[in-house]
Amino acid sequence: MGGRLLQQSDELILLEAHRAGMTLLTFDLATIPPLLAEKIALGEEHGGVIFVSTKSFSRNDHGGWLRALLEWWPEWSTWPWTNRVEFLRRR
């Protein structure tokens, strides 16, 4: 998306990801879950969210969470991601 969503609201980022057919990968366990609950209550869809917990991966362990994504990709790529919520974990 060319960085155009930097510093934008979580709601706008989630909306634009859905419009683009993308799933959001985030460490934000504080503000995203209430936003998802609100969307569900309003009957709105999202493109899916993969949460990354700092209990499983440090924020700067890019290689670790990228390896985990690649390990899960064969299974996850077959799933419908609209409104799906998952936690990234090590295999």
C-alpha atoms as a PDB file:
ATOM      1  CA  MET A   1       0.000   0.000   0.000  1.00  0.00           C
ATOM      2  CA  GLY A   2       3.046   2.171  -0.381  1.00  0.00           C
ATOM      3  CA  GLY A   3       3.123   3.434   3.193  1.00  0.00           C
ATOM      4  CA  ARG A   4       0.011   5.557   2.742  1.00  0.00           C
ATOM      5  CA  LEU A   5      -1.542   4.051   5.867  1.00  0.00           C
ATOM      6  CA  LEU A   6       1.328   4.921   8.194  1.00  0.00           C
ATOM      7  CA  GLN A   7       0.010   6.769  11.240  1.00  0.00           C
ATOM      8  CA  GLN A   8      -3.609   6.100  10.236  1.00  0.00           C
ATOM      9  CA  SER A   9      -6.286   4.783  12.579  1.00  0.00           C
ATOM     10  CA  ASP A  10      -6.556   1.069  13.292  1.00  0.00           C
ATOM     11  CA  GLU A  11     -10.069   1.129  11.877  1.00  0.00           C
ATOM     12  CA  LEU A  12      -8.897   2.581   8.560  1.00  0.00           C
ATOM     13  CA  ILE A  13      -6.000   0.117   8.321  1.00  0.00           C
ATOM     14  CA  LEU A  14      -8.337  -2.816   8.972  1.00  0.00           C
ATOM     15  CA  LEU A  15     -10.847  -1.498   6.425  1.00  0.00           C
ATOM     16  CA  GLU A  16      -8.218  -0.949   3.726  1.00  0.00           C
ATOM     17  CA  ALA A  17      -6.693  -4.388   4.336  1.00  0.00           C
ATOM     18  CA  HIS A  18     -10.127  -5.947   3.854  1.00  0.00           C
ATOM     19  CA  ARG A  19     -10.739  -3.950   0.670  1.00  0.00           C
ATOM     20  CA  ALA A  20      -7.375  -5.118  -0.669  1.00  0.00           C
ATOM     21  CA  GLY A  21      -8.088  -8.749   0.253  1.00  0.00           C
ATOM     22  CA  MET A  22      -5.338  -8.715   2.859  1.00  0.00           C
ATOM     23  CA  THR A  23      -5.049 -10.040   6.387  1.00  0.00           C
ATOM     24  CA  LEU A  24      -3.584  -7.859   9.142  1.00  0.00           C
ATOM     25  CA  LEU A  25      -0.577  -9.126  11.109  1.00  0.00           C
ATOM     26  CA  THR A  26      -0.254  -7.228  14.378  1.00  0.00           C
ATOM     27  CA  PHE A  27       1.275  -7.216  17.841  1.00  0.00           C
ATOM     28  CA  ASP A  28      -1.539  -4.905  18.991  1.00  0.00           C
ATOM     29  CA  LEU A  29      -3.463  -6.921  21.544  1.00  0.00           C
ATOM     30  CA  ALA A  30      -4.799  -3.772  23.219  1.00  0.00           C
ATOM     31  CA  THR A  31      -6.799  -1.867  20.608  1.00  0.00           C
ATOM     32  CA  ILE A  32      -7.481  -4.346  17.794  1.00  0.00           C
ATOM     33  CA  PRO A  33      -9.599  -6.885  19.764  1.00  0.00           C
ATOM     34  CA  PRO A  34     -12.163  -4.260  20.883  1.00  0.00           C
ATOM     35  CA  LEU A  35     -12.291  -2.951  17.314  1.00  0.00           C
ATOM     36  CA  LEU A  36     -12.993  -6.458  16.021  1.00  0.00           C
ATOM     37  CA  ALA A  37     -15.737  -6.922  18.637  1.00  0.00           C
ATOM     38  CA  GLU A  38     -17.295  -3.644  17.510  1.00  0.00           C
ATOM     39  CA  LYS A  39     -17.183  -4.710  13.856  1.00  0.00           C
ATOM     40  CA  ILE A  40     -18.859  -8.032  14.719  1.00  0.00           C
ATOM     41  CA  ALA A  41     -21.564  -6.242  16.718  1.00  0.00           C
ATOM     42  CA  LEU A  42     -22.240  -3.983  13.715  1.00  0.00           C
ATOM     43  CA  GLY A  43     -22.280  -6.902  11.287  1.00  0.00           C
ATOM     44  CA  GLU A  44     -19.206  -5.591   9.465  1.00  0.00           C
ATOM     45  CA  GLU A  45     -16.515  -7.804   7.962  1.00  0.00           C
ATOM     46  CA  HIS A  46     -12.739  -7.626   8.094  1.00  0.00           C
ATOM     47  CA  GLY A  47     -10.022  -9.353   6.107  1.00  0.00           C
ATOM     48  CA  GLY A  48      -8.778 -11.389   9.044  1.00  0.00           C
ATOM     49  CA  VAL A  49      -6.207 -10.747  11.735  1.00  0.00           C
ATOM     50  CA  ILE A  50      -3.140 -12.680  12.830  1.00  0.00           C
ATOM     51  CA  PHE A  51      -2.032 -11.639  16.292  1.00  0.00           C
ATOM     52  CA  VAL A  52       1.585 -11.985  17.345  1.00  0.00           C
ATOM     53  CA  SER A  53       2.130 -12.129  21.080  1.00  0.00           C
ATOM     54  CA  THR A  54       5.317 -10.827  22.647  1.00  0.00           C
ATOM     55  CA  LYS A  55       5.136 -13.925  24.853  1.00  0.00           C
ATOM     56  CA  SER A  56       5.872 -15.991  21.727  1.00  0.00           C
ATOM     57  CA  PHE A  57       8.003 -13.604  19.645  1.00  0.00           C
ATOM     58  CA  SER A  58       9.877 -10.415  20.405  1.00  0.00           C
ATOM     59  CA  ARG A  59       8.881  -7.445  18.270  1.00  0.00           C
ATOM     60  CA  ASN A  60      12.280  -7.361  16.595  1.00  0.00           C
ATOM     61  CA  ASP A  61      12.454 -11.136  15.956  1.00  0.00           C
ATOM     62  CA  HIS A  62      11.438 -10.613  12.344  1.00  0.00           C
ATOM     63  CA  GLY A  63      13.098 -13.836  11.268  1.00  0.00           C
ATOM     64  CA  GLY A  64      11.259 -15.818  13.959  1.00  0.00           C
ATOM     65  CA  TRP A  65       7.778 -14.669  13.094  1.00  0.00           C
ATOM     66  CA  LEU A  66       8.509 -14.791   9.370  1.00  0.00           C
ATOM     67  CA  ARG A  67       9.635 -18.430   9.717  1.00  0.00           C
ATOM     68  CA  ALA A  68       6.454 -19.171  11.690  1.00  0.00           C
ATOM     69  CA  LEU A  69       4.304 -17.572   8.971  1.00  0.00           C
ATOM     70  CA  LEU A  70       6.065 -19.623   6.319  1.00  0.00           C
ATOM     71  CA  GLU A  71       5.582 -22.804   8.338  1.00  0.00           C
ATOM     72  CA  TRP A  72       1.841 -22.129   8.728  1.00  0.00           C
ATOM     73  CA  TRP A  73       1.347 -20.876   5.171  1.00  0.00           C
ATOM     74  CA  PRO A  74       0.606 -24.268   3.524  1.00  0.00           C
ATOM     75  CA  GLU A  75      -2.313 -24.802   5.921  1.00  0.00           C
ATOM     76  CA  TRP A  76      -3.458 -21.205   6.393  1.00  0.00           C
ATOM     77  CA  SER A  77      -3.383 -20.330   2.701  1.00  0.00           C
ATOM     78  CA  THR A  78      -6.300 -22.706   2.091  1.00  0.00           C
ATOM     79  CA  TRP A  79      -8.532 -21.102   4.713  1.00  0.00           C
ATOM     80  CA  PRO A  80     -11.072 -18.346   4.127  1.00  0.00           C
ATOM     81  CA  TRP A  81      -9.690 -15.323   5.994  1.00  0.00           C
ATOM     82  CA  THR A  82     -12.707 -13.036   6.087  1.00  0.00           C
ATOM     83  CA  ASN A  83     -13.458 -12.445   9.784  1.00  0.00           C
ATOM     84  CA  ARG A  84     -10.864 -15.040  10.880  1.00  0.00           C
ATOM     85  CA  VAL A  85      -8.677 -14.360  13.923  1.00  0.00           C
ATOM     86  CA  GLU A  86      -5.584 -16.451  14.670  1.00  0.00           C
ATOM     87  CA  PHE A  87      -2.531 -16.255  16.896  1.00  0.00           C
ATOM     88  CA  LEU A  88       0.853 -16.855  15.300  1.00  0.00           C
ATOM     89  CA  ARG A  89       2.670 -19.604  17.134  1.00  0.00           C
ATOM     90  CA  ARG A  90       5.724 -21.691  16.648  1.00  0.00           C
ATOM     91  CA  ARG A  91       5.219 -25.213  15.362  1.00  0.00           C
END
